[in-house]
C-alpha cells in the first residue's frame, strides 16, 4: 500500500490548524457579544457611544492627534453600589479615588495625544467585571488598565503594586486579592485537549506574557517618577477582569486606602500627579511596542 506523501500530510495538518484557529477566533468574537453590546455610532464630535447594559450611559473614545493610534481602556475600579475600600480617615472611598485617578490619566494622555482613550465609567455607576471587560473587547482595546487603591489588615502596608494575569498566583496576598476582586463570578477553567484548546492555551500564554511586560513597564516608569512602590511590586494572579479584556491588561493598585500616609498621598494633587504621569508614559511606551 502506498504511503501518503509527507507534503500531503503536512497540508492536512496545516488545514486542521487553520480551521481550529478560525473556530477559536469566532468563539472569542461571539463571547464579546455576551452582554449584547453594539456600537451605536458617532454620538458627539470626537466621541463614540455604545449601547451597553443599563448600568452604563455611554462610553466615549477620545481620539489621538494622529488617526489610527492604539486604544487604551482605563477602568476605574468599583463604583455605584460597590464603594471599594474605605479610607483610613473615614472620609474617602476607593471608588472615588479610582475615578479621580482615571480622569486625570485620561486628561494627561489626551493632552499628549499619542493614544486614543476610553473610560469604562466616567461617573459613580455600578459595573460588573464582565461589563468592564466587554467594553474593552468590543472597542478592540490595545491595552487595558484597571485602577484600584486597596486596603490591608496591616495599617502599615504602603505603596503601589502592579498585578498581571497568571494562572498561578505569585503569593498568598495576590491570590486573596484576585479572589476578592473576582467575587462570585470566578469560573474554573477546564482543560481542553483538542487542537482548539491547544491554540487557546498558546493565546493565553501570549496574553499573560504581554500582561507581565506591561506591568513591568508600569513599575519602571513609577520608580523613575519617584512613586512609592510596595516591596516586590510586580505580582500576578488569575484576575477575571484581566483575563476577559482581550488585551494586554494590568490591575494597578495605586496605594493603600487603609494607610493614612498613602491616603494623604493619593489626595495630594502633586503626589497623585506623579502616579498619573508615570502611568501615561508607560501606556505610551507599551502601545508603541505593540503596534
C-alpha atoms as a PDB file:
ATOM      1  CA  UNK A   1       0.000   0.000   0.000  1.00  0.00           C
ATOM      2  CA  UNK A   2       1.388   3.376  -0.956  1.00  0.00           C
ATOM      3  CA  UNK A   3       2.047   5.739   1.931  1.00  0.00           C
ATOM      4  CA  UNK A   4       0.730   9.300   1.745  1.00  0.00           C
ATOM      5  CA  UNK A   5       3.372  11.776   0.663  1.00  0.00           C
ATOM      6  CA  UNK A   6       4.867  13.847   3.535  1.00  0.00           C
ATOM      7  CA  UNK A   7       3.801  17.056   1.796  1.00  0.00           C
ATOM      8  CA  UNK A   8       0.195  15.838   1.666  1.00  0.00           C
ATOM      9  CA  UNK A   9       0.225  15.018   5.384  1.00  0.00           C
ATOM     10  CA  UNK A  10       1.688  18.435   6.145  1.00  0.00           C
ATOM     11  CA  UNK A  11      -1.065  20.143   4.176  1.00  0.00           C
ATOM     12  CA  UNK A  12      -3.750  18.155   6.025  1.00  0.00           C
ATOM     13  CA  UNK A  13      -2.291  19.107   9.416  1.00  0.00           C
ATOM     14  CA  UNK A  14      -1.919  22.741   8.375  1.00  0.00           C
ATOM     15  CA  UNK A  15      -5.531  22.837   7.187  1.00  0.00           C
ATOM     16  CA  UNK A  16      -6.736  21.436  10.520  1.00  0.00           C
ATOM     17  CA  UNK A  17      -4.706  24.018  12.431  1.00  0.00           C
ATOM     18  CA  UNK A  18      -6.123  26.893  10.383  1.00  0.00           C
ATOM     19  CA  UNK A  19      -9.678  25.597  10.847  1.00  0.00           C
ATOM     20  CA  UNK A  20      -9.131  25.339  14.583  1.00  0.00           C
ATOM     21  CA  UNK A  21      -7.709  28.853  14.744  1.00  0.00           C
ATOM     22  CA  UNK A  22     -10.691  30.249  12.828  1.00  0.00           C
ATOM     23  CA  UNK A  23     -13.085  28.457  15.176  1.00  0.00           C
ATOM     24  CA  UNK A  24     -11.206  29.833  18.184  1.00  0.00           C
ATOM     25  CA  UNK A  25     -11.317  33.397  16.859  1.00  0.00           C
ATOM     26  CA  UNK A  26     -15.029  33.098  16.065  1.00  0.00           C
ATOM     27  CA  UNK A  27     -15.685  31.763  19.547  1.00  0.00           C
ATOM     28  CA  UNK A  28     -13.878  34.735  21.086  1.00  0.00           C
ATOM     29  CA  UNK A  29     -15.816  37.142  18.889  1.00  0.00           C
ATOM     30  CA  UNK A  30     -19.088  35.526  19.929  1.00  0.00           C
ATOM     31  CA  UNK A  31     -18.017  35.779  23.561  1.00  0.00           C
ATOM     32  CA  UNK A  32     -17.527  39.510  23.134  1.00  0.00           C
ATOM     33  CA  UNK A  33     -21.231  39.844  22.442  1.00  0.00           C
ATOM     34  CA  UNK A  34     -22.379  38.002  25.561  1.00  0.00           C
ATOM     35  CA  UNK A  35     -23.744  41.209  27.047  1.00  0.00           C
ATOM     36  CA  UNK A  36     -25.495  42.278  23.864  1.00  0.00           C
ATOM     37  CA  UNK A  37     -23.121  45.172  23.162  1.00  0.00           C
ATOM     38  CA  UNK A  38     -23.417  47.076  19.913  1.00  0.00           C
ATOM     39  CA  UNK A  39     -21.588  50.106  18.594  1.00  0.00           C
ATOM     40  CA  UNK A  40     -24.149  52.836  18.157  1.00  0.00           C
ATOM     41  CA  UNK A  41     -22.041  55.163  16.013  1.00  0.00           C
ATOM     42  CA  UNK A  42     -20.929  58.750  16.435  1.00  0.00           C
ATOM     43  CA  UNK A  43     -22.640  60.400  19.373  1.00  0.00           C
ATOM     44  CA  UNK A  44     -20.714  63.667  19.580  1.00  0.00           C
ATOM     45  CA  UNK A  45     -17.779  65.148  17.759  1.00  0.00           C
ATOM     46  CA  UNK A  46     -14.666  63.274  18.792  1.00  0.00           C
ATOM     47  CA  UNK A  47     -16.628  60.596  20.620  1.00  0.00           C
ATOM     48  CA  UNK A  48     -18.149  57.169  20.138  1.00  0.00           C
ATOM     49  CA  UNK A  49     -21.109  55.894  22.143  1.00  0.00           C
ATOM     50  CA  UNK A  50     -22.091  52.280  22.758  1.00  0.00           C
ATOM     51  CA  UNK A  51     -25.369  50.668  23.716  1.00  0.00           C
ATOM     52  CA  UNK A  52     -24.456  48.759  26.868  1.00  0.00           C
ATOM     53  CA  UNK A  53     -26.157  47.343  29.913  1.00  0.00           C
ATOM     54  CA  UNK A  54     -28.404  49.843  31.759  1.00  0.00           C
ATOM     55  CA  UNK A  55     -25.530  50.496  34.216  1.00  0.00           C
ATOM     56  CA  UNK A  56     -23.621  52.472  31.584  1.00  0.00           C
ATOM     57  CA  UNK A  57     -24.914  55.648  29.973  1.00  0.00           C
ATOM     58  CA  UNK A  58     -22.257  55.808  27.254  1.00  0.00           C
ATOM     59  CA  UNK A  59     -18.608  55.164  26.563  1.00  0.00           C
ATOM     60  CA  UNK A  60     -16.644  57.751  24.631  1.00  0.00           C
ATOM     61  CA  UNK A  61     -13.376  57.425  22.762  1.00  0.00           C
ATOM     62  CA  UNK A  62     -11.076  60.425  22.889  1.00  0.00           C
ATOM     63  CA  UNK A  63      -9.145  60.458  19.631  1.00  0.00           C
ATOM     64  CA  UNK A  64      -5.395  60.926  19.324  1.00  0.00           C
ATOM     65  CA  UNK A  65      -3.826  63.654  17.226  1.00  0.00           C
ATOM     66  CA  UNK A  66      -2.998  61.066  14.547  1.00  0.00           C
ATOM     67  CA  UNK A  67      -5.782  58.737  13.308  1.00  0.00           C
ATOM     68  CA  UNK A  68      -5.478  55.017  13.877  1.00  0.00           C
ATOM     69  CA  UNK A  69      -3.466  55.179  17.082  1.00  0.00           C
ATOM     70  CA  UNK A  70      -3.765  52.355  19.677  1.00  0.00           C
ATOM     71  CA  UNK A  71      -6.687  52.487  22.097  1.00  0.00           C
ATOM     72  CA  UNK A  72      -6.193  52.195  25.846  1.00  0.00           C
ATOM     73  CA  UNK A  73      -9.236  51.434  28.001  1.00  0.00           C
ATOM     74  CA  UNK A  74      -8.899  52.767  31.547  1.00  0.00           C
ATOM     75  CA  UNK A  75     -11.079  51.069  34.134  1.00  0.00           C
ATOM     76  CA  UNK A  76     -11.713  52.938  37.420  1.00  0.00           C
ATOM     77  CA  UNK A  77     -12.354  50.119  39.889  1.00  0.00           C
ATOM     78  CA  UNK A  78     -15.608  49.781  41.868  1.00  0.00           C
ATOM     79  CA  UNK A  79     -18.358  52.420  41.589  1.00  0.00           C
ATOM     80  CA  UNK A  80     -22.044  52.805  42.359  1.00  0.00           C
ATOM     81  CA  UNK A  81     -23.185  50.287  44.972  1.00  0.00           C
ATOM     82  CA  UNK A  82     -19.617  49.000  45.251  1.00  0.00           C
ATOM     83  CA  UNK A  83     -17.678  51.575  47.239  1.00  0.00           C
ATOM     84  CA  UNK A  84     -14.469  49.570  47.451  1.00  0.00           C
ATOM     85  CA  UNK A  85     -12.076  50.102  50.338  1.00  0.00           C
ATOM     86  CA  UNK A  86     -12.785  52.908  52.837  1.00  0.00           C
ATOM     87  CA  UNK A  87     -10.028  55.407  53.554  1.00  0.00           C
ATOM     88  CA  UNK A  88      -8.155  55.446  56.847  1.00  0.00           C
ATOM     89  CA  UNK A  89      -9.685  58.846  57.614  1.00  0.00           C
ATOM     90  CA  UNK A  90     -13.210  57.553  57.112  1.00  0.00           C
ATOM     91  CA  UNK A  91     -13.963  60.358  54.651  1.00  0.00           C
ATOM     92  CA  UNK A  92     -12.803  58.844  51.342  1.00  0.00           C
ATOM     93  CA  UNK A  93     -13.741  55.740  49.374  1.00  0.00           C
ATOM     94  CA  UNK A  94     -11.800  53.728  46.854  1.00  0.00           C
ATOM     95  CA  UNK A  95     -14.421  54.161  44.116  1.00  0.00           C
ATOM     96  CA  UNK A  96     -13.994  57.953  44.210  1.00  0.00           C
ATOM     97  CA  UNK A  97     -10.201  57.780  44.246  1.00  0.00           C
ATOM     98  CA  UNK A  98     -10.021  55.388  41.292  1.00  0.00           C
ATOM     99  CA  UNK A  99     -12.332  57.598  39.247  1.00  0.00           C
ATOM    100  CA  UNK A 100     -10.263  60.669  40.102  1.00  0.00           C
ATOM    101  CA  UNK A 101      -7.017  58.987  39.017  1.00  0.00           C
ATOM    102  CA  UNK A 102      -8.635  57.606  35.855  1.00  0.00           C
ATOM    103  CA  UNK A 103      -9.975  61.008  34.823  1.00  0.00           C
ATOM    104  CA  UNK A 104      -6.610  62.672  35.409  1.00  0.00           C
ATOM    105  CA  UNK A 105      -4.852  59.912  33.465  1.00  0.00           C
ATOM    106  CA  UNK A 106      -7.350  60.362  30.636  1.00  0.00           C
ATOM    107  CA  UNK A 107      -6.667  64.093  30.548  1.00  0.00           C
ATOM    108  CA  UNK A 108      -2.885  63.601  30.623  1.00  0.00           C
ATOM    109  CA  UNK A 109      -2.989  61.110  27.748  1.00  0.00           C
ATOM    110  CA  UNK A 110      -5.388  63.334  25.787  1.00  0.00           C
ATOM    111  CA  UNK A 111      -3.052  66.299  26.249  1.00  0.00           C
ATOM    112  CA  UNK A 112      -0.131  64.272  24.905  1.00  0.00           C
ATOM    113  CA  UNK A 113      -2.246  62.984  22.008  1.00  0.00           C
ATOM    114  CA  UNK A 114      -0.348  59.767  21.246  1.00  0.00           C
ATOM    115  CA  UNK A 115      -3.087  57.212  22.009  1.00  0.00           C
ATOM    116  CA  UNK A 116      -6.846  57.004  21.932  1.00  0.00           C
ATOM    117  CA  UNK A 117      -8.529  56.705  25.323  1.00  0.00           C
ATOM    118  CA  UNK A 118     -11.801  55.393  26.755  1.00  0.00           C
ATOM    119  CA  UNK A 119     -13.024  55.072  30.341  1.00  0.00           C
ATOM    120  CA  UNK A 120     -15.228  52.146  31.356  1.00  0.00           C
ATOM    121  CA  UNK A 121     -17.053  54.560  33.639  1.00  0.00           C
ATOM    122  CA  UNK A 122     -16.955  58.330  33.985  1.00  0.00           C
ATOM    123  CA  UNK A 123     -19.496  58.589  36.780  1.00  0.00           C
ATOM    124  CA  UNK A 124     -20.474  56.844  40.006  1.00  0.00           C
ATOM    125  CA  UNK A 125     -22.169  53.853  38.368  1.00  0.00           C
ATOM    126  CA  UNK A 126     -22.161  50.132  39.083  1.00  0.00           C
ATOM    127  CA  UNK A 127     -20.381  47.897  36.575  1.00  0.00           C
ATOM    128  CA  UNK A 128     -19.838  44.175  36.712  1.00  0.00           C
ATOM    129  CA  UNK A 129     -16.435  42.711  35.886  1.00  0.00           C
ATOM    130  CA  UNK A 130     -17.911  41.356  32.666  1.00  0.00           C
ATOM    131  CA  UNK A 131     -19.252  44.814  31.754  1.00  0.00           C
ATOM    132  CA  UNK A 132     -15.761  46.268  32.108  1.00  0.00           C
ATOM    133  CA  UNK A 133     -14.044  43.536  30.128  1.00  0.00           C
ATOM    134  CA  UNK A 134     -16.742  43.555  27.432  1.00  0.00           C
ATOM    135  CA  UNK A 135     -16.203  47.281  26.836  1.00  0.00           C
ATOM    136  CA  UNK A 136     -12.514  46.637  26.175  1.00  0.00           C
ATOM    137  CA  UNK A 137     -13.234  43.704  23.872  1.00  0.00           C
ATOM    138  CA  UNK A 138     -15.976  45.456  21.933  1.00  0.00           C
ATOM    139  CA  UNK A 139     -13.868  48.561  21.379  1.00  0.00           C
ATOM    140  CA  UNK A 140     -10.882  46.456  20.329  1.00  0.00           C
ATOM    141  CA  UNK A 141      -8.625  47.831  23.051  1.00  0.00           C
ATOM    142  CA  UNK A 142      -4.872  47.629  22.569  1.00  0.00           C
ATOM    143  CA  UNK A 143      -4.290  47.931  26.329  1.00  0.00           C
ATOM    144  CA  UNK A 144      -6.485  47.629  29.411  1.00  0.00           C
ATOM    145  CA  UNK A 145      -5.603  49.237  32.762  1.00  0.00           C
ATOM    146  CA  UNK A 146      -7.770  48.671  35.834  1.00  0.00           C
ATOM    147  CA  UNK A 147      -7.077  51.169  38.626  1.00  0.00           C
ATOM    148  CA  UNK A 148      -7.585  50.386  42.305  1.00  0.00           C
ATOM    149  CA  UNK A 149      -6.456  51.519  45.772  1.00  0.00           C
ATOM    150  CA  UNK A 150      -6.614  48.574  48.143  1.00  0.00           C
ATOM    151  CA  UNK A 151      -6.829  48.056  51.882  1.00  0.00           C
ATOM    152  CA  UNK A 152      -4.858  45.687  54.103  1.00  0.00           C
ATOM    153  CA  UNK A 153      -5.266  44.276  57.619  1.00  0.00           C
ATOM    154  CA  UNK A 154      -1.848  45.740  58.391  1.00  0.00           C
ATOM    155  CA  UNK A 155      -2.328  49.526  58.593  1.00  0.00           C
ATOM    156  CA  UNK A 156       1.383  49.988  57.930  1.00  0.00           C
ATOM    157  CA  UNK A 157       1.168  48.492  54.428  1.00  0.00           C
ATOM    158  CA  UNK A 158       2.105  51.121  51.835  1.00  0.00           C
ATOM    159  CA  UNK A 159       2.988  51.544  48.197  1.00  0.00           C
ATOM    160  CA  UNK A 160       1.763  50.826  44.676  1.00  0.00           C
ATOM    161  CA  UNK A 161       1.564  47.359  43.108  1.00  0.00           C
ATOM    162  CA  UNK A 162       1.106  46.174  39.517  1.00  0.00           C
ATOM    163  CA  UNK A 163      -0.734  42.870  39.057  1.00  0.00           C
ATOM    164  CA  UNK A 164      -0.532  40.945  35.798  1.00  0.00           C
ATOM    165  CA  UNK A 165      -2.525  37.955  34.591  1.00  0.00           C
ATOM    166  CA  UNK A 166      -1.392  34.444  35.504  1.00  0.00           C
ATOM    167  CA  UNK A 167      -2.970  31.049  36.069  1.00  0.00           C
ATOM    168  CA  UNK A 168      -0.895  30.665  39.247  1.00  0.00           C
ATOM    169  CA  UNK A 169      -0.718  33.392  41.892  1.00  0.00           C
ATOM    170  CA  UNK A 170       2.656  34.836  42.811  1.00  0.00           C
ATOM    171  CA  UNK A 171       1.835  34.716  46.531  1.00  0.00           C
ATOM    172  CA  UNK A 172      -0.982  34.293  49.021  1.00  0.00           C
ATOM    173  CA  UNK A 173      -1.788  38.026  49.070  1.00  0.00           C
ATOM    174  CA  UNK A 174      -2.180  38.119  45.280  1.00  0.00           C
ATOM    175  CA  UNK A 175      -4.388  35.025  45.360  1.00  0.00           C
ATOM    176  CA  UNK A 176      -6.639  36.550  48.039  1.00  0.00           C
ATOM    177  CA  UNK A 177      -6.871  39.847  46.161  1.00  0.00           C
ATOM    178  CA  UNK A 178      -7.845  38.054  42.944  1.00  0.00           C
ATOM    179  CA  UNK A 179     -10.453  36.006  44.804  1.00  0.00           C
ATOM    180  CA  UNK A 180     -11.874  39.167  46.362  1.00  0.00           C
ATOM    181  CA  UNK A 181     -11.897  41.060  43.057  1.00  0.00           C
ATOM    182  CA  UNK A 182     -13.354  38.121  41.111  1.00  0.00           C
ATOM    183  CA  UNK A 183     -16.163  37.589  43.609  1.00  0.00           C
ATOM    184  CA  UNK A 184     -18.792  35.039  42.735  1.00  0.00           C
ATOM    185  CA  UNK A 185     -18.161  35.427  39.003  1.00  0.00           C
ATOM    186  CA  UNK A 186     -14.996  33.306  39.069  1.00  0.00           C
ATOM    187  CA  UNK A 187     -15.164  30.236  36.860  1.00  0.00           C
ATOM    188  CA  UNK A 188     -12.595  27.456  36.972  1.00  0.00           C
ATOM    189  CA  UNK A 189     -11.039  26.576  33.627  1.00  0.00           C
ATOM    190  CA  UNK A 190     -11.433  23.040  32.284  1.00  0.00           C
ATOM    191  CA  UNK A 191      -8.543  21.503  30.315  1.00  0.00           C
ATOM    192  CA  UNK A 192      -9.308  21.093  26.609  1.00  0.00           C
ATOM    193  CA  UNK A 193      -7.045  18.538  24.838  1.00  0.00           C
ATOM    194  CA  UNK A 194      -8.322  19.435  21.357  1.00  0.00           C
ATOM    195  CA  UNK A 195      -6.463  21.495  18.784  1.00  0.00           C
ATOM    196  CA  UNK A 196      -8.684  24.444  19.599  1.00  0.00           C
ATOM    197  CA  UNK A 197      -7.763  24.014  23.254  1.00  0.00           C
ATOM    198  CA  UNK A 198      -4.076  23.969  22.349  1.00  0.00           C
ATOM    199  CA  UNK A 199      -4.417  27.160  20.334  1.00  0.00           C
ATOM    200  CA  UNK A 200      -6.371  28.732  23.177  1.00  0.00           C
ATOM    201  CA  UNK A 201      -3.607  27.818  25.623  1.00  0.00           C
ATOM    202  CA  UNK A 202      -0.983  29.340  23.334  1.00  0.00           C
ATOM    203  CA  UNK A 203      -3.020  32.541  23.018  1.00  0.00           C
ATOM    204  CA  UNK A 204      -3.427  32.647  26.812  1.00  0.00           C
ATOM    205  CA  UNK A 205       0.321  32.319  27.300  1.00  0.00           C
ATOM    206  CA  UNK A 206       0.946  35.193  24.916  1.00  0.00           C
ATOM    207  CA  UNK A 207      -1.670  37.250  26.739  1.00  0.00           C
ATOM    208  CA  UNK A 208      -0.050  36.563  30.113  1.00  0.00           C
ATOM    209  CA  UNK A 209       3.415  37.409  28.783  1.00  0.00           C
ATOM    210  CA  UNK A 210       2.153  40.715  27.359  1.00  0.00           C
ATOM    211  CA  UNK A 211       0.367  41.463  30.637  1.00  0.00           C
ATOM    212  CA  UNK A 212       3.575  40.876  32.611  1.00  0.00           C
ATOM    213  CA  UNK A 213       5.570  43.047  30.202  1.00  0.00           C
ATOM    214  CA  UNK A 214       3.034  45.867  30.616  1.00  0.00           C
ATOM    215  CA  UNK A 215       3.174  45.555  34.426  1.00  0.00           C
ATOM    216  CA  UNK A 216       6.971  45.704  34.483  1.00  0.00           C
ATOM    217  CA  UNK A 217       6.959  48.756  32.231  1.00  0.00           C
ATOM    218  CA  UNK A 218       4.492  50.484  34.569  1.00  0.00           C
ATOM    219  CA  UNK A 219       6.743  49.788  37.531  1.00  0.00           C
ATOM    220  CA  UNK A 220       9.881  51.033  35.757  1.00  0.00           C
ATOM    221  CA  UNK A 221       8.181  54.306  34.963  1.00  0.00           C
ATOM    222  CA  UNK A 222       6.821  54.541  38.507  1.00  0.00           C
ATOM    223  CA  UNK A 223      10.284  54.075  40.021  1.00  0.00           C
ATOM    224  CA  UNK A 224      11.704  56.677  37.668  1.00  0.00           C
ATOM    225  CA  UNK A 225       8.912  59.061  38.642  1.00  0.00           C
ATOM    226  CA  UNK A 226       9.537  58.769  42.405  1.00  0.00           C
ATOM    227  CA  UNK A 227       6.347  56.794  43.039  1.00  0.00           C
ATOM    228  CA  UNK A 228       6.432  54.787  46.267  1.00  0.00           C
ATOM    229  CA  UNK A 229       6.176  51.075  45.468  1.00  0.00           C
ATOM    230  CA  UNK A 230       5.370  48.104  47.617  1.00  0.00           C
ATOM    231  CA  UNK A 231       8.202  45.573  48.130  1.00  0.00           C
ATOM    232  CA  UNK A 232       8.057  43.006  45.301  1.00  0.00           C
ATOM    233  CA  UNK A 233       5.752  45.360  43.446  1.00  0.00           C
ATOM    234  CA  UNK A 234       5.077  43.056  40.486  1.00  0.00           C
ATOM    235  CA  UNK A 235       2.637  40.340  41.460  1.00  0.00           C
ATOM    236  CA  UNK A 236       0.269  38.162  39.472  1.00  0.00           C
ATOM    237  CA  UNK A 237      -2.879  36.070  39.762  1.00  0.00           C
ATOM    238  CA  UNK A 238      -5.934  34.918  37.792  1.00  0.00           C
ATOM    239  CA  UNK A 239      -7.911  38.173  37.735  1.00  0.00           C
ATOM    240  CA  UNK A 240     -11.178  37.701  35.866  1.00  0.00           C
ATOM    241  CA  UNK A 241     -11.360  41.242  34.509  1.00  0.00           C
ATOM    242  CA  UNK A 242      -7.818  40.968  33.082  1.00  0.00           C
ATOM    243  CA  UNK A 243      -8.450  37.556  31.543  1.00  0.00           C
ATOM    244  CA  UNK A 244     -11.622  38.627  29.738  1.00  0.00           C
ATOM    245  CA  UNK A 245     -10.476  42.040  28.473  1.00  0.00           C
ATOM    246  CA  UNK A 246      -8.999  40.655  25.243  1.00  0.00           C
ATOM    247  CA  UNK A 247      -5.913  42.888  25.506  1.00  0.00           C
ATOM    248  CA  UNK A 248      -2.659  43.071  27.476  1.00  0.00           C
ATOM    249  CA  UNK A 249      -4.072  44.041  30.852  1.00  0.00           C
ATOM    250  CA  UNK A 250      -2.803  45.154  34.263  1.00  0.00           C
ATOM    251  CA  UNK A 251      -4.519  45.835  37.557  1.00  0.00           C
ATOM    252  CA  UNK A 252      -2.705  48.749  39.208  1.00  0.00           C
ATOM    253  CA  UNK A 253      -3.091  49.351  42.938  1.00  0.00           C
ATOM    254  CA  UNK A 254      -2.073  52.989  43.424  1.00  0.00           C
ATOM    255  CA  UNK A 255      -1.663  52.604  47.184  1.00  0.00           C
ATOM    256  CA  UNK A 256      -3.463  51.539  50.335  1.00  0.00           C
ATOM    257  CA  UNK A 257      -6.585  53.394  51.396  1.00  0.00           C
ATOM    258  CA  UNK A 258      -6.162  51.728  54.805  1.00  0.00           C
ATOM    259  CA  UNK A 259      -2.847  53.540  55.339  1.00  0.00           C
ATOM    260  CA  UNK A 260      -3.155  57.160  56.468  1.00  0.00           C
ATOM    261  CA  UNK A 261       0.032  58.259  54.671  1.00  0.00           C
ATOM    262  CA  UNK A 262      -0.990  56.572  51.398  1.00  0.00           C
ATOM    263  CA  UNK A 263      -4.462  58.055  51.631  1.00  0.00           C
ATOM    264  CA  UNK A 264      -2.978  61.525  52.146  1.00  0.00           C
ATOM    265  CA  UNK A 265      -0.583  60.946  49.235  1.00  0.00           C
ATOM    266  CA  UNK A 266      -3.432  59.967  46.907  1.00  0.00           C
ATOM    267  CA  UNK A 267      -5.414  63.038  47.970  1.00  0.00           C
ATOM    268  CA  UNK A 268      -2.467  65.339  47.215  1.00  0.00           C
ATOM    269  CA  UNK A 269      -2.662  66.529  43.574  1.00  0.00           C
ATOM    270  CA  UNK A 270       1.126  66.840  43.262  1.00  0.00           C
ATOM    271  CA  UNK A 271       1.911  63.340  44.526  1.00  0.00           C
ATOM    272  CA  UNK A 272      -1.034  61.842  42.659  1.00  0.00           C
ATOM    273  CA  UNK A 273       0.243  63.611  39.552  1.00  0.00           C
ATOM    274  CA  UNK A 274       3.490  61.634  39.739  1.00  0.00           C
ATOM    275  CA  UNK A 275       1.495  58.417  39.523  1.00  0.00           C
ATOM    276  CA  UNK A 276      -0.592  59.715  36.633  1.00  0.00           C
ATOM    277  CA  UNK A 277       2.437  60.838  34.609  1.00  0.00           C
ATOM    278  CA  UNK A 278       4.226  57.525  35.211  1.00  0.00           C
ATOM    279  CA  UNK A 279       1.167  55.596  34.047  1.00  0.00           C
ATOM    280  CA  UNK A 280       0.855  57.806  30.958  1.00  0.00           C
ATOM    281  CA  UNK A 281       4.492  57.266  29.969  1.00  0.00           C
ATOM    282  CA  UNK A 282       4.191  53.514  30.448  1.00  0.00           C
ATOM    283  CA  UNK A 283       0.992  53.310  28.411  1.00  0.00           C
ATOM    284  CA  UNK A 284       2.507  55.245  25.505  1.00  0.00           C
ATOM    285  CA  UNK A 285       5.665  53.113  25.551  1.00  0.00           C
ATOM    286  CA  UNK A 286       3.730  49.848  25.701  1.00  0.00           C
ATOM    287  CA  UNK A 287       1.371  50.945  22.935  1.00  0.00           C
ATOM    288  CA  UNK A 288       4.339  51.808  20.731  1.00  0.00           C
ATOM    289  CA  UNK A 289       5.874  48.355  21.264  1.00  0.00           C
ATOM    290  CA  UNK A 290       2.631  46.541  20.404  1.00  0.00           C
ATOM    291  CA  UNK A 291       1.820  48.395  17.174  1.00  0.00           C
END
